């Protein structure tokens, strides 16, 4: 499984996302799965058509939490959590999304 956390320079949320992802993988019995942080750059127009915001979790080249529209410019990504909007999904949400991927 190829797991990447895509982020923008200066993003504080990607480290929390990576740590929660590590916890989720441990709960699923895969604590040694590599997580690769990838700093995303943009072209001269400030566009990158495959980046949904910082931080984005990609598993085998698919967004773990797909969204309907990809932002046209660099943005911080927010996730809905029981405590409100946050810069990273909860561990529980990641466990659910990862488990659903493995079932399909």
C-alpha atoms as a PDB file:
ATOM      1  CA  UNK A   1       0.000   0.000   0.000  1.00  0.00           C
ATOM      2  CA  UNK A   2       1.391   3.395  -1.052  1.00  0.00           C
ATOM      3  CA  UNK A   3       0.378   6.077   1.453  1.00  0.00           C
ATOM      4  CA  UNK A   4       1.285   9.731   1.015  1.00  0.00           C
ATOM      5  CA  UNK A   5       0.359  12.826   2.970  1.00  0.00           C
ATOM      6  CA  UNK A   6       0.395  15.753   0.536  1.00  0.00           C
ATOM      7  CA  UNK A   7       0.969  19.157   2.096  1.00  0.00           C
ATOM      8  CA  UNK A   8       1.905  22.763   1.390  1.00  0.00           C
ATOM      9  CA  UNK A   9       5.023  24.422   2.744  1.00  0.00           C
ATOM     10  CA  UNK A  10       4.173  25.954   6.108  1.00  0.00           C
ATOM     11  CA  UNK A  11       1.168  23.701   6.719  1.00  0.00           C
ATOM     12  CA  UNK A  12       0.913  22.774  10.369  1.00  0.00           C
ATOM     13  CA  UNK A  13      -1.855  20.190   9.865  1.00  0.00           C
ATOM     14  CA  UNK A  14       0.063  17.569   7.913  1.00  0.00           C
ATOM     15  CA  UNK A  15       2.043  16.365  10.926  1.00  0.00           C
ATOM     16  CA  UNK A  16      -1.167  15.761  12.897  1.00  0.00           C
ATOM     17  CA  UNK A  17      -2.663  13.997   9.868  1.00  0.00           C
ATOM     18  CA  UNK A  18       0.389  11.737   9.572  1.00  0.00           C
ATOM     19  CA  UNK A  19       0.360  10.927  13.301  1.00  0.00           C
ATOM     20  CA  UNK A  20      -3.362  10.114  13.270  1.00  0.00           C
ATOM     21  CA  UNK A  21      -2.839   8.016  10.168  1.00  0.00           C
ATOM     22  CA  UNK A  22      -0.068   6.088  11.947  1.00  0.00           C
ATOM     23  CA  UNK A  23      -2.443   5.462  14.871  1.00  0.00           C
ATOM     24  CA  UNK A  24      -5.189   4.294  12.501  1.00  0.00           C
ATOM     25  CA  UNK A  25      -2.832   1.905  10.731  1.00  0.00           C
ATOM     26  CA  UNK A  26      -1.731   0.496  14.093  1.00  0.00           C
ATOM     27  CA  UNK A  27      -5.358  -0.099  15.072  1.00  0.00           C
ATOM     28  CA  UNK A  28      -5.828  -1.956  11.777  1.00  0.00           C
ATOM     29  CA  UNK A  29      -2.807  -4.171  12.458  1.00  0.00           C
ATOM     30  CA  UNK A  30      -0.442  -2.461  10.008  1.00  0.00           C
ATOM     31  CA  UNK A  31       1.763  -0.281  12.230  1.00  0.00           C
ATOM     32  CA  UNK A  32       4.838  -0.600  10.000  1.00  0.00           C
ATOM     33  CA  UNK A  33       3.154   0.676   6.838  1.00  0.00           C
ATOM     34  CA  UNK A  34       5.293   3.531   5.475  1.00  0.00           C
ATOM     35  CA  UNK A  35       3.724   6.988   5.327  1.00  0.00           C
ATOM     36  CA  UNK A  36       5.440   9.290   2.872  1.00  0.00           C
ATOM     37  CA  UNK A  37       5.062  13.050   3.361  1.00  0.00           C
ATOM     38  CA  UNK A  38       5.144  14.929   0.042  1.00  0.00           C
ATOM     39  CA  UNK A  39       5.443  18.703  -0.160  1.00  0.00           C
ATOM     40  CA  UNK A  40       3.331  19.867  -3.093  1.00  0.00           C
ATOM     41  CA  UNK A  41       4.489  22.574  -5.457  1.00  0.00           C
ATOM     42  CA  UNK A  42       2.389  24.529  -7.927  1.00  0.00           C
ATOM     43  CA  UNK A  43       2.949  25.701 -11.466  1.00  0.00           C
ATOM     44  CA  UNK A  44       3.412  29.376 -12.370  1.00  0.00           C
ATOM     45  CA  UNK A  45      -0.360  29.903 -12.385  1.00  0.00           C
ATOM     46  CA  UNK A  46      -0.698  28.489  -8.867  1.00  0.00           C
ATOM     47  CA  UNK A  47      -2.548  25.429 -10.107  1.00  0.00           C
ATOM     48  CA  UNK A  48      -2.144  21.728  -9.484  1.00  0.00           C
ATOM     49  CA  UNK A  49      -5.206  19.800 -10.719  1.00  0.00           C
ATOM     50  CA  UNK A  50      -4.810  16.751  -8.462  1.00  0.00           C
ATOM     51  CA  UNK A  51      -4.279  18.431  -5.104  1.00  0.00           C
ATOM     52  CA  UNK A  52      -7.323  18.884  -2.838  1.00  0.00           C
ATOM     53  CA  UNK A  53      -5.613  21.027  -0.226  1.00  0.00           C
ATOM     54  CA  UNK A  54      -3.146  20.690   2.590  1.00  0.00           C
ATOM     55  CA  UNK A  55      -3.146  18.099   3.968  1.00  0.00           C
ATOM     56  CA  UNK A  56      -4.490  15.414   1.635  1.00  0.00           C
ATOM     57  CA  UNK A  57      -4.102  11.702   2.375  1.00  0.00           C
ATOM     58  CA  UNK A  58      -3.536   9.561  -0.705  1.00  0.00           C
ATOM     59  CA  UNK A  59      -3.698   5.749  -0.636  1.00  0.00           C
ATOM     60  CA  UNK A  60      -2.581   4.017  -3.825  1.00  0.00           C
ATOM     61  CA  UNK A  61      -3.037   7.302  -5.740  1.00  0.00           C
ATOM     62  CA  UNK A  62      -6.608   7.829  -4.502  1.00  0.00           C
ATOM     63  CA  UNK A  63      -7.763  10.443  -2.027  1.00  0.00           C
ATOM     64  CA  UNK A  64      -8.760   8.670   1.195  1.00  0.00           C
ATOM     65  CA  UNK A  65     -11.453  11.341   1.689  1.00  0.00           C
ATOM     66  CA  UNK A  66     -12.496  12.317  -1.845  1.00  0.00           C
ATOM     67  CA  UNK A  67     -14.222  15.624  -2.411  1.00  0.00           C
ATOM     68  CA  UNK A  68     -16.496  16.733  -5.234  1.00  0.00           C
ATOM     69  CA  UNK A  69     -14.472  19.721  -6.446  1.00  0.00           C
ATOM     70  CA  UNK A  70     -10.730  20.224  -6.529  1.00  0.00           C
ATOM     71  CA  UNK A  71      -9.716  23.781  -5.548  1.00  0.00           C
ATOM     72  CA  UNK A  72      -8.120  25.805  -8.343  1.00  0.00           C
ATOM     73  CA  UNK A  73      -5.564  27.403  -6.014  1.00  0.00           C
ATOM     74  CA  UNK A  74      -3.514  26.276  -3.003  1.00  0.00           C
ATOM     75  CA  UNK A  75      -5.699  25.993   0.097  1.00  0.00           C
ATOM     76  CA  UNK A  76      -5.739  24.531   3.572  1.00  0.00           C
ATOM     77  CA  UNK A  77      -8.015  21.516   3.598  1.00  0.00           C
ATOM     78  CA  UNK A  78     -10.618  21.126   6.313  1.00  0.00           C
ATOM     79  CA  UNK A  79     -12.289  17.914   7.428  1.00  0.00           C
ATOM     80  CA  UNK A  80     -15.589  17.537   9.241  1.00  0.00           C
ATOM     81  CA  UNK A  81     -15.097  15.984  12.691  1.00  0.00           C
ATOM     82  CA  UNK A  82     -17.407  15.503  15.694  1.00  0.00           C
ATOM     83  CA  UNK A  83     -15.697  18.548  17.268  1.00  0.00           C
ATOM     84  CA  UNK A  84     -16.194  20.706  14.145  1.00  0.00           C
ATOM     85  CA  UNK A  85     -14.003  21.465  11.159  1.00  0.00           C
ATOM     86  CA  UNK A  86     -10.333  20.521  11.552  1.00  0.00           C
ATOM     87  CA  UNK A  87      -7.141  20.351   9.516  1.00  0.00           C
ATOM     88  CA  UNK A  88      -7.048  16.558   9.801  1.00  0.00           C
ATOM     89  CA  UNK A  89      -9.581  13.734   9.969  1.00  0.00           C
ATOM     90  CA  UNK A  90      -9.966  11.893  13.261  1.00  0.00           C
ATOM     91  CA  UNK A  91      -8.261   8.567  13.884  1.00  0.00           C
ATOM     92  CA  UNK A  92     -11.691   6.924  13.857  1.00  0.00           C
ATOM     93  CA  UNK A  93     -12.544   8.431  10.460  1.00  0.00           C
ATOM     94  CA  UNK A  94      -9.229   7.200   9.063  1.00  0.00           C
ATOM     95  CA  UNK A  95      -9.803   3.699  10.444  1.00  0.00           C
ATOM     96  CA  UNK A  96     -13.214   3.631   8.773  1.00  0.00           C
ATOM     97  CA  UNK A  97     -11.942   4.936   5.442  1.00  0.00           C
ATOM     98  CA  UNK A  98      -8.964   2.566   5.386  1.00  0.00           C
ATOM     99  CA  UNK A  99     -11.130  -0.416   6.339  1.00  0.00           C
ATOM    100  CA  UNK A 100     -13.653   0.456   3.617  1.00  0.00           C
ATOM    101  CA  UNK A 101     -10.827   0.596   1.038  1.00  0.00           C
ATOM    102  CA  UNK A 102      -9.575  -2.833   2.018  1.00  0.00           C
ATOM    103  CA  UNK A 103     -13.084  -4.300   1.686  1.00  0.00           C
ATOM    104  CA  UNK A 104     -13.517  -3.072  -1.886  1.00  0.00           C
END
